[in-house]
C-alpha cells in the first residue's frame, strides 16, 4: 500500500504534467494572425491572391504544422505595429537586426537578400560611403529595415529621407527624379523595374552596397513577443522540416 505522503506527491506530479499539457495545447489553440506587406517577388498580390517566394514558404510551414491561418497583406508600418503590440501575430519577410532582436520571437530565415542604395541611370550618384548619401534625398518605406537603418545612422525623415507606404512608389519617384537615391533589396528593385517595362541594368545604378543589412541572413518569419514559446517552437520545427524534406528548395528554385 502506497504511503499517503507518497500518494500526494505522485498526485501533485500528475497534476503538474496535466496542467503543463493543457497550457501547451491552449497556446497552440490560440488563433494566429499572419501579416506581411507587398514586397515583390517575396510577397505580393496577383489576381486577388497573395503569392511570392516567402508567402509559399510560410504556407508550407502552416501546412506542415497543421495550422489554419489567413495571411493578410497591408502597409508595412501597420503590419509591424501589429506584430509589436498584439499577441499571436506572425510577421514575415522581416529582417532580423540587433535593434529588433528582443522585440520579436524569431522562427528563422525564409529568403536571402542583398541591399543597395540605388540611383537612376539618368542621374547617377557616386557614393564612396554612407556619409556621401547625406547630401541627397533617399526614398524609403515607412518603418522598413532600410529606413530604420538610415535613421539609426542619423538620417532624418523629411530631410534626407522621403518615405512611402509602397515600394513601387519609390521606384517611380527615383525614375522621375523626385528623389536622388533609393534604398532597397536587390531582387525587389529589379522586379519592380521589370514590372514597369524597364531593364534594371539600364535604369538602375548600384551606388552603394549595404552589407550591414545582409549580415542578419535575409528575410525571416517572426512572432510577436506575446506569443507562447510552444507556438514559436512548433513553427521552428515546421520550418526545419520543410528545409530537410526538400520543400523549401523546390520553392526557392521556382522563384530564383
C-alpha atoms as a PDB file:
ATOM      1  CA  UNK A   1       0.000   0.000   0.000  1.00  0.00           C
ATOM      2  CA  UNK A   2       1.371   3.392  -1.035  1.00  0.00           C
ATOM      3  CA  UNK A   3       2.004   5.699   1.971  1.00  0.00           C
ATOM      4  CA  UNK A   4      -0.299   8.771   1.969  1.00  0.00           C
ATOM      5  CA  UNK A   5       2.598  11.203   1.620  1.00  0.00           C
ATOM      6  CA  UNK A   6       3.893   9.358  -1.475  1.00  0.00           C
ATOM      7  CA  UNK A   7       0.381   9.258  -2.950  1.00  0.00           C
ATOM      8  CA  UNK A   8       0.066  13.008  -2.504  1.00  0.00           C
ATOM      9  CA  UNK A   9       3.454  13.571  -4.128  1.00  0.00           C
ATOM     10  CA  UNK A  10       2.570  11.348  -7.103  1.00  0.00           C
ATOM     11  CA  UNK A  11      -0.773  13.117  -7.464  1.00  0.00           C
ATOM     12  CA  UNK A  12       0.964  16.505  -7.388  1.00  0.00           C
ATOM     13  CA  UNK A  13       3.384  15.452 -10.147  1.00  0.00           C
ATOM     14  CA  UNK A  14       0.480  14.113 -12.231  1.00  0.00           C
ATOM     15  CA  UNK A  15      -1.472  17.351 -11.867  1.00  0.00           C
ATOM     16  CA  UNK A  16       1.621  19.318 -12.842  1.00  0.00           C
ATOM     17  CA  UNK A  17       2.031  17.292 -16.042  1.00  0.00           C
ATOM     18  CA  UNK A  18      -1.666  17.684 -16.896  1.00  0.00           C
ATOM     19  CA  UNK A  19      -1.590  21.439 -16.361  1.00  0.00           C
ATOM     20  CA  UNK A  20       1.572  21.774 -18.446  1.00  0.00           C
ATOM     21  CA  UNK A  21      -0.044  19.841 -21.290  1.00  0.00           C
ATOM     22  CA  UNK A  22      -3.165  21.970 -21.051  1.00  0.00           C
ATOM     23  CA  UNK A  23      -1.078  25.135 -21.231  1.00  0.00           C
ATOM     24  CA  UNK A  24       0.776  23.941 -24.343  1.00  0.00           C
ATOM     25  CA  UNK A  25      -2.455  22.841 -26.017  1.00  0.00           C
ATOM     26  CA  UNK A  26      -4.141  26.117 -25.137  1.00  0.00           C
ATOM     27  CA  UNK A  27      -1.253  28.144 -26.525  1.00  0.00           C
ATOM     28  CA  UNK A  28      -1.397  26.282 -29.819  1.00  0.00           C
ATOM     29  CA  UNK A  29      -5.184  26.663 -29.920  1.00  0.00           C
ATOM     30  CA  UNK A  30      -4.934  30.468 -29.855  1.00  0.00           C
ATOM     31  CA  UNK A  31      -5.764  31.851 -33.327  1.00  0.00           C
ATOM     32  CA  UNK A  32      -2.710  33.083 -35.190  1.00  0.00           C
ATOM     33  CA  UNK A  33      -2.784  36.200 -37.331  1.00  0.00           C
ATOM     34  CA  UNK A  34      -0.277  36.222 -40.204  1.00  0.00           C
ATOM     35  CA  UNK A  35       0.702  39.603 -41.663  1.00  0.00           C
ATOM     36  CA  UNK A  36       3.060  40.836 -44.335  1.00  0.00           C
ATOM     37  CA  UNK A  37       3.387  43.572 -46.962  1.00  0.00           C
ATOM     38  CA  UNK A  38       3.628  43.946 -50.741  1.00  0.00           C
ATOM     39  CA  UNK A  39       7.316  43.194 -51.335  1.00  0.00           C
ATOM     40  CA  UNK A  40       7.571  41.548 -54.736  1.00  0.00           C
ATOM     41  CA  UNK A  41       8.607  38.892 -55.504  1.00  0.00           C
ATOM     42  CA  UNK A  42       8.748  37.715 -51.876  1.00  0.00           C
ATOM     43  CA  UNK A  43       5.145  38.567 -51.008  1.00  0.00           C
ATOM     44  CA  UNK A  44       2.726  40.112 -53.490  1.00  0.00           C
ATOM     45  CA  UNK A  45      -0.914  40.045 -54.572  1.00  0.00           C
ATOM     46  CA  UNK A  46      -1.712  38.607 -58.003  1.00  0.00           C
ATOM     47  CA  UNK A  47      -5.282  38.318 -59.242  1.00  0.00           C
ATOM     48  CA  UNK A  48      -6.528  38.808 -55.708  1.00  0.00           C
ATOM     49  CA  UNK A  49      -4.309  36.039 -54.286  1.00  0.00           C
ATOM     50  CA  UNK A  50      -1.247  36.525 -52.099  1.00  0.00           C
ATOM     51  CA  UNK A  51       1.767  34.735 -53.546  1.00  0.00           C
ATOM     52  CA  UNK A  52       5.566  35.036 -53.799  1.00  0.00           C
ATOM     53  CA  UNK A  53       8.548  33.044 -52.553  1.00  0.00           C
ATOM     54  CA  UNK A  54       8.248  33.994 -48.871  1.00  0.00           C
ATOM     55  CA  UNK A  55       4.492  33.509 -48.938  1.00  0.00           C
ATOM     56  CA  UNK A  56       4.840  29.995 -50.340  1.00  0.00           C
ATOM     57  CA  UNK A  57       7.378  29.125 -47.635  1.00  0.00           C
ATOM     58  CA  UNK A  58       5.050  30.397 -44.898  1.00  0.00           C
ATOM     59  CA  UNK A  59       2.128  28.499 -46.427  1.00  0.00           C
ATOM     60  CA  UNK A  60       4.236  25.328 -46.478  1.00  0.00           C
ATOM     61  CA  UNK A  61       5.107  25.779 -42.802  1.00  0.00           C
ATOM     62  CA  UNK A  62       1.451  26.384 -41.889  1.00  0.00           C
ATOM     63  CA  UNK A  63       0.527  23.170 -43.682  1.00  0.00           C
ATOM     64  CA  UNK A  64       3.347  21.253 -42.009  1.00  0.00           C
ATOM     65  CA  UNK A  65       2.285  22.299 -38.502  1.00  0.00           C
ATOM     66  CA  UNK A  66      -1.426  21.876 -39.339  1.00  0.00           C
ATOM     67  CA  UNK A  67      -2.365  25.451 -38.504  1.00  0.00           C
ATOM     68  CA  UNK A  68      -5.153  27.172 -40.450  1.00  0.00           C
ATOM     69  CA  UNK A  69      -4.462  30.908 -40.685  1.00  0.00           C
ATOM     70  CA  UNK A  70      -5.313  33.603 -43.217  1.00  0.00           C
ATOM     71  CA  UNK A  71      -2.424  35.761 -44.440  1.00  0.00           C
ATOM     72  CA  UNK A  72      -3.134  39.489 -44.653  1.00  0.00           C
ATOM     73  CA  UNK A  73      -1.146  41.961 -46.757  1.00  0.00           C
ATOM     74  CA  UNK A  74      -1.036  45.554 -45.540  1.00  0.00           C
ATOM     75  CA  UNK A  75       1.316  48.548 -45.410  1.00  0.00           C
ATOM     76  CA  UNK A  76       4.497  47.547 -43.597  1.00  0.00           C
ATOM     77  CA  UNK A  77       4.133  50.138 -40.822  1.00  0.00           C
ATOM     78  CA  UNK A  78       0.740  48.673 -39.872  1.00  0.00           C
ATOM     79  CA  UNK A  79       1.945  45.051 -40.016  1.00  0.00           C
ATOM     80  CA  UNK A  80       4.999  45.944 -37.953  1.00  0.00           C
ATOM     81  CA  UNK A  81       2.871  47.744 -35.344  1.00  0.00           C
ATOM     82  CA  UNK A  82       0.538  44.754 -35.004  1.00  0.00           C
ATOM     83  CA  UNK A  83       3.466  42.394 -34.509  1.00  0.00           C
ATOM     84  CA  UNK A  84       4.974  44.749 -31.941  1.00  0.00           C
ATOM     85  CA  UNK A  85       1.884  45.056 -29.778  1.00  0.00           C
ATOM     86  CA  UNK A  86      -0.551  42.140 -30.323  1.00  0.00           C
ATOM     87  CA  UNK A  87      -0.008  38.531 -29.216  1.00  0.00           C
ATOM     88  CA  UNK A  88      -0.075  35.592 -31.650  1.00  0.00           C
ATOM     89  CA  UNK A  89       0.926  37.649 -34.680  1.00  0.00           C
ATOM     90  CA  UNK A  90       3.294  36.076 -37.223  1.00  0.00           C
ATOM     91  CA  UNK A  91       5.044  38.597 -39.454  1.00  0.00           C
ATOM     92  CA  UNK A  92       7.215  37.563 -42.375  1.00  0.00           C
ATOM     93  CA  UNK A  93       9.808  38.909 -44.754  1.00  0.00           C
ATOM     94  CA  UNK A  94      11.169  40.809 -41.765  1.00  0.00           C
ATOM     95  CA  UNK A  95      14.895  41.450 -41.423  1.00  0.00           C
ATOM     96  CA  UNK A  96      16.488  40.415 -38.141  1.00  0.00           C
ATOM     97  CA  UNK A  97      18.585  43.251 -36.748  1.00  0.00           C
ATOM     98  CA  UNK A  98      20.197  43.965 -33.386  1.00  0.00           C
ATOM     99  CA  UNK A  99      17.559  46.647 -32.711  1.00  0.00           C
ATOM    100  CA  UNK A 100      14.735  44.191 -33.381  1.00  0.00           C
ATOM    101  CA  UNK A 101      16.288  41.149 -31.702  1.00  0.00           C
ATOM    102  CA  UNK A 102      14.324  41.297 -28.437  1.00  0.00           C
ATOM    103  CA  UNK A 103      11.163  42.823 -29.898  1.00  0.00           C
ATOM    104  CA  UNK A 104      10.103  39.558 -31.564  1.00  0.00           C
ATOM    105  CA  UNK A 105      10.410  35.797 -31.196  1.00  0.00           C
ATOM    106  CA  UNK A 106      12.286  34.611 -34.265  1.00  0.00           C
ATOM    107  CA  UNK A 107      11.334  31.489 -36.214  1.00  0.00           C
ATOM    108  CA  UNK A 108      14.023  31.505 -38.908  1.00  0.00           C
ATOM    109  CA  UNK A 109      15.220  32.731 -42.289  1.00  0.00           C
ATOM    110  CA  UNK A 110      12.933  32.174 -45.272  1.00  0.00           C
ATOM    111  CA  UNK A 111      14.764  34.086 -48.035  1.00  0.00           C
ATOM    112  CA  UNK A 112      18.166  35.648 -48.666  1.00  0.00           C
ATOM    113  CA  UNK A 113      18.540  39.327 -49.535  1.00  0.00           C
ATOM    114  CA  UNK A 114      21.083  41.874 -50.753  1.00  0.00           C
ATOM    115  CA  UNK A 115      20.656  45.589 -50.122  1.00  0.00           C
ATOM    116  CA  UNK A 116      21.812  48.590 -52.137  1.00  0.00           C
ATOM    117  CA  UNK A 117      21.332  52.306 -52.268  1.00  0.00           C
ATOM    118  CA  UNK A 118      20.344  52.901 -55.886  1.00  0.00           C
ATOM    119  CA  UNK A 119      20.415  55.948 -58.102  1.00  0.00           C
ATOM    120  CA  UNK A 120      18.900  56.411 -61.546  1.00  0.00           C
ATOM    121  CA  UNK A 121      20.970  55.851 -64.666  1.00  0.00           C
ATOM    122  CA  UNK A 122      19.656  59.196 -65.925  1.00  0.00           C
ATOM    123  CA  UNK A 123      21.020  60.877 -62.797  1.00  0.00           C
ATOM    124  CA  UNK A 124      23.770  58.605 -61.386  1.00  0.00           C
ATOM    125  CA  UNK A 125      25.099  59.413 -57.930  1.00  0.00           C
ATOM    126  CA  UNK A 126      28.568  58.286 -56.901  1.00  0.00           C
ATOM    127  CA  UNK A 127      28.816  57.289 -53.239  1.00  0.00           C
ATOM    128  CA  UNK A 128      32.128  56.395 -51.632  1.00  0.00           C
ATOM    129  CA  UNK A 129      30.457  55.656 -48.310  1.00  0.00           C
ATOM    130  CA  UNK A 130      27.165  56.168 -46.489  1.00  0.00           C
ATOM    131  CA  UNK A 131      28.074  59.692 -45.367  1.00  0.00           C
ATOM    132  CA  UNK A 132      28.073  60.785 -49.016  1.00  0.00           C
ATOM    133  CA  UNK A 133      24.348  59.979 -49.173  1.00  0.00           C
ATOM    134  CA  UNK A 134      23.533  62.710 -46.649  1.00  0.00           C
ATOM    135  CA  UNK A 135      23.651  65.325 -49.401  1.00  0.00           C
ATOM    136  CA  UNK A 136      20.849  63.636 -51.352  1.00  0.00           C
ATOM    137  CA  UNK A 137      17.149  62.737 -50.991  1.00  0.00           C
ATOM    138  CA  UNK A 138      16.614  58.996 -50.409  1.00  0.00           C
ATOM    139  CA  UNK A 139      13.331  57.131 -50.886  1.00  0.00           C
ATOM    140  CA  UNK A 140      12.388  54.720 -48.077  1.00  0.00           C
ATOM    141  CA  UNK A 141       9.363  52.719 -46.905  1.00  0.00           C
ATOM    142  CA  UNK A 142       7.762  53.608 -43.577  1.00  0.00           C
ATOM    143  CA  UNK A 143       9.255  51.515 -40.737  1.00  0.00           C
ATOM    144  CA  UNK A 144      11.019  49.057 -43.045  1.00  0.00           C
ATOM    145  CA  UNK A 145      14.545  47.930 -42.238  1.00  0.00           C
ATOM    146  CA  UNK A 146      16.149  50.244 -44.818  1.00  0.00           C
ATOM    147  CA  UNK A 147      14.534  53.287 -43.252  1.00  0.00           C
ATOM    148  CA  UNK A 148      15.288  52.115 -39.700  1.00  0.00           C
ATOM    149  CA  UNK A 149      18.902  51.519 -40.686  1.00  0.00           C
ATOM    150  CA  UNK A 150      19.337  55.021 -42.094  1.00  0.00           C
ATOM    151  CA  UNK A 151      17.566  56.635 -39.137  1.00  0.00           C
ATOM    152  CA  UNK A 152      19.984  54.724 -36.906  1.00  0.00           C
ATOM    153  CA  UNK A 153      22.789  56.386 -38.885  1.00  0.00           C
ATOM    154  CA  UNK A 154      21.263  59.806 -38.098  1.00  0.00           C
ATOM    155  CA  UNK A 155      19.443  60.376 -41.381  1.00  0.00           C
ATOM    156  CA  UNK A 156      16.259  62.372 -40.806  1.00  0.00           C
ATOM    157  CA  UNK A 157      12.784  61.679 -42.199  1.00  0.00           C
ATOM    158  CA  UNK A 158      11.572  64.728 -44.080  1.00  0.00           C
ATOM    159  CA  UNK A 159      15.104  65.954 -44.692  1.00  0.00           C
ATOM    160  CA  UNK A 160      17.338  63.277 -46.258  1.00  0.00           C
ATOM    161  CA  UNK A 161      14.641  60.572 -46.169  1.00  0.00           C
ATOM    162  CA  UNK A 162      11.388  60.651 -48.150  1.00  0.00           C
ATOM    163  CA  UNK A 163       9.170  57.726 -47.056  1.00  0.00           C
ATOM    164  CA  UNK A 164       6.310  55.984 -48.873  1.00  0.00           C
ATOM    165  CA  UNK A 165       3.939  53.149 -47.984  1.00  0.00           C
ATOM    166  CA  UNK A 166       4.689  51.113 -51.105  1.00  0.00           C
ATOM    167  CA  UNK A 167       7.942  50.039 -52.744  1.00  0.00           C
ATOM    168  CA  UNK A 168       6.708  50.618 -56.288  1.00  0.00           C
ATOM    169  CA  UNK A 169       6.128  54.284 -55.467  1.00  0.00           C
ATOM    170  CA  UNK A 170       9.797  54.617 -54.558  1.00  0.00           C
ATOM    171  CA  UNK A 171      10.910  53.185 -57.890  1.00  0.00           C
ATOM    172  CA  UNK A 172       8.679  55.664 -59.678  1.00  0.00           C
ATOM    173  CA  UNK A 173       9.994  58.552 -57.542  1.00  0.00           C
ATOM    174  CA  UNK A 174      13.566  57.613 -58.435  1.00  0.00           C
ATOM    175  CA  UNK A 175      12.705  57.110 -62.099  1.00  0.00           C
ATOM    176  CA  UNK A 176      11.018  60.519 -62.380  1.00  0.00           C
ATOM    177  CA  UNK A 177      13.653  62.426 -60.426  1.00  0.00           C
ATOM    178  CA  UNK A 178      11.555  63.173 -57.340  1.00  0.00           C
ATOM    179  CA  UNK A 179      14.330  61.618 -55.219  1.00  0.00           C
ATOM    180  CA  UNK A 180      18.027  61.065 -55.893  1.00  0.00           C
ATOM    181  CA  UNK A 181      18.507  57.710 -54.154  1.00  0.00           C
ATOM    182  CA  UNK A 182      16.516  54.660 -53.132  1.00  0.00           C
ATOM    183  CA  UNK A 183      17.417  52.015 -50.522  1.00  0.00           C
ATOM    184  CA  UNK A 184      16.051  48.600 -51.488  1.00  0.00           C
ATOM    185  CA  UNK A 185      16.539  44.866 -51.549  1.00  0.00           C
ATOM    186  CA  UNK A 186      18.099  43.917 -54.887  1.00  0.00           C
ATOM    187  CA  UNK A 187      15.524  41.352 -56.006  1.00  0.00           C
ATOM    188  CA  UNK A 188      12.681  43.734 -55.192  1.00  0.00           C
ATOM    189  CA  UNK A 189      14.356  46.584 -57.100  1.00  0.00           C
ATOM    190  CA  UNK A 190      14.954  44.537 -60.243  1.00  0.00           C
ATOM    191  CA  UNK A 191      11.449  43.054 -60.082  1.00  0.00           C
ATOM    192  CA  UNK A 192       9.823  46.491 -59.900  1.00  0.00           C
ATOM    193  CA  UNK A 193      11.923  47.749 -62.799  1.00  0.00           C
ATOM    194  CA  UNK A 194      10.832  44.796 -64.931  1.00  0.00           C
ATOM    195  CA  UNK A 195       7.189  45.343 -63.921  1.00  0.00           C
ATOM    196  CA  UNK A 196       7.476  48.941 -65.135  1.00  0.00           C
ATOM    197  CA  UNK A 197       8.729  47.687 -68.510  1.00  0.00           C
ATOM    198  CA  UNK A 198      12.336  48.730 -67.824  1.00  0.00           C
ATOM    199  CA  UNK A 199      15.642  46.902 -67.985  1.00  0.00           C
ATOM    200  CA  UNK A 200      17.097  47.350 -64.482  1.00  0.00           C
ATOM    201  CA  UNK A 201      20.630  47.097 -65.852  1.00  0.00           C
ATOM    202  CA  UNK A 202      19.895  50.195 -67.926  1.00  0.00           C
ATOM    203  CA  UNK A 203      17.798  52.204 -65.468  1.00  0.00           C
ATOM    204  CA  UNK A 204      19.288  51.426 -62.016  1.00  0.00           C
ATOM    205  CA  UNK A 205      22.764  52.206 -60.685  1.00  0.00           C
ATOM    206  CA  UNK A 206      24.042  50.391 -57.599  1.00  0.00           C
ATOM    207  CA  UNK A 207      25.553  53.430 -55.921  1.00  0.00           C
ATOM    208  CA  UNK A 208      26.408  51.725 -52.617  1.00  0.00           C
ATOM    209  CA  UNK A 209      26.028  48.241 -51.199  1.00  0.00           C
ATOM    210  CA  UNK A 210      24.698  47.986 -47.624  1.00  0.00           C
ATOM    211  CA  UNK A 211      26.271  44.792 -46.211  1.00  0.00           C
ATOM    212  CA  UNK A 212      25.104  45.526 -42.658  1.00  0.00           C
ATOM    213  CA  UNK A 213      21.565  44.681 -43.737  1.00  0.00           C
ATOM    214  CA  UNK A 214      22.755  41.368 -45.156  1.00  0.00           C
ATOM    215  CA  UNK A 215      24.613  40.171 -42.056  1.00  0.00           C
ATOM    216  CA  UNK A 216      21.273  39.206 -40.490  1.00  0.00           C
ATOM    217  CA  UNK A 217      20.897  36.392 -43.033  1.00  0.00           C
ATOM    218  CA  UNK A 218      17.965  37.727 -45.034  1.00  0.00           C
ATOM    219  CA  UNK A 219      14.203  37.823 -44.569  1.00  0.00           C
ATOM    220  CA  UNK A 220      12.670  35.985 -41.614  1.00  0.00           C
ATOM    221  CA  UNK A 221       9.490  34.738 -40.006  1.00  0.00           C
ATOM    222  CA  UNK A 222       8.949  36.116 -36.503  1.00  0.00           C
ATOM    223  CA  UNK A 223       6.238  36.089 -33.857  1.00  0.00           C
ATOM    224  CA  UNK A 224       5.130  38.925 -31.630  1.00  0.00           C
ATOM    225  CA  UNK A 225       6.704  38.884 -28.173  1.00  0.00           C
ATOM    226  CA  UNK A 226       3.365  37.993 -26.546  1.00  0.00           C
ATOM    227  CA  UNK A 227       3.176  34.655 -28.377  1.00  0.00           C
ATOM    228  CA  UNK A 228       3.623  31.438 -26.384  1.00  0.00           C
ATOM    229  CA  UNK A 229       7.041  29.777 -26.672  1.00  0.00           C
ATOM    230  CA  UNK A 230       5.330  26.491 -27.543  1.00  0.00           C
ATOM    231  CA  UNK A 231       3.830  28.072 -30.658  1.00  0.00           C
ATOM    232  CA  UNK A 232       7.203  29.508 -31.715  1.00  0.00           C
ATOM    233  CA  UNK A 233       8.880  26.111 -31.188  1.00  0.00           C
ATOM    234  CA  UNK A 234       6.189  24.422 -33.287  1.00  0.00           C
ATOM    235  CA  UNK A 235       6.841  26.769 -36.215  1.00  0.00           C
ATOM    236  CA  UNK A 236      10.607  26.434 -35.884  1.00  0.00           C
ATOM    237  CA  UNK A 237      10.197  22.678 -36.164  1.00  0.00           C
ATOM    238  CA  UNK A 238       7.911  23.122 -39.177  1.00  0.00           C
ATOM    239  CA  UNK A 239      10.418  25.359 -40.963  1.00  0.00           C
ATOM    240  CA  UNK A 240      13.226  22.894 -40.275  1.00  0.00           C
ATOM    241  CA  UNK A 241      11.093  20.038 -41.612  1.00  0.00           C
ATOM    242  CA  UNK A 242      10.355  21.719 -44.951  1.00  0.00           C
ATOM    243  CA  UNK A 243      14.051  22.529 -45.295  1.00  0.00           C
ATOM    244  CA  UNK A 244      15.032  18.935 -44.560  1.00  0.00           C
ATOM    245  CA  UNK A 245      12.457  17.312 -46.864  1.00  0.00           C
ATOM    246  CA  UNK A 246      13.245  19.455 -49.934  1.00  0.00           C
ATOM    247  CA  UNK A 247      10.060  21.556 -49.956  1.00  0.00           C
ATOM    248  CA  UNK A 248      11.950  24.777 -49.260  1.00  0.00           C
ATOM    249  CA  UNK A 249      14.495  24.172 -52.042  1.00  0.00           C
ATOM    250  CA  UNK A 250      11.713  23.460 -54.541  1.00  0.00           C
ATOM    251  CA  UNK A 251      10.042  26.779 -53.689  1.00  0.00           C
ATOM    252  CA  UNK A 252      13.345  28.669 -53.895  1.00  0.00           C
ATOM    253  CA  UNK A 253      14.147  27.221 -57.338  1.00  0.00           C
ATOM    254  CA  UNK A 254      10.747  28.338 -58.578  1.00  0.00           C
ATOM    255  CA  UNK A 255      11.349  31.974 -57.694  1.00  0.00           C
ATOM    256  CA  UNK A 256      15.109  32.396 -58.318  1.00  0.00           C
END
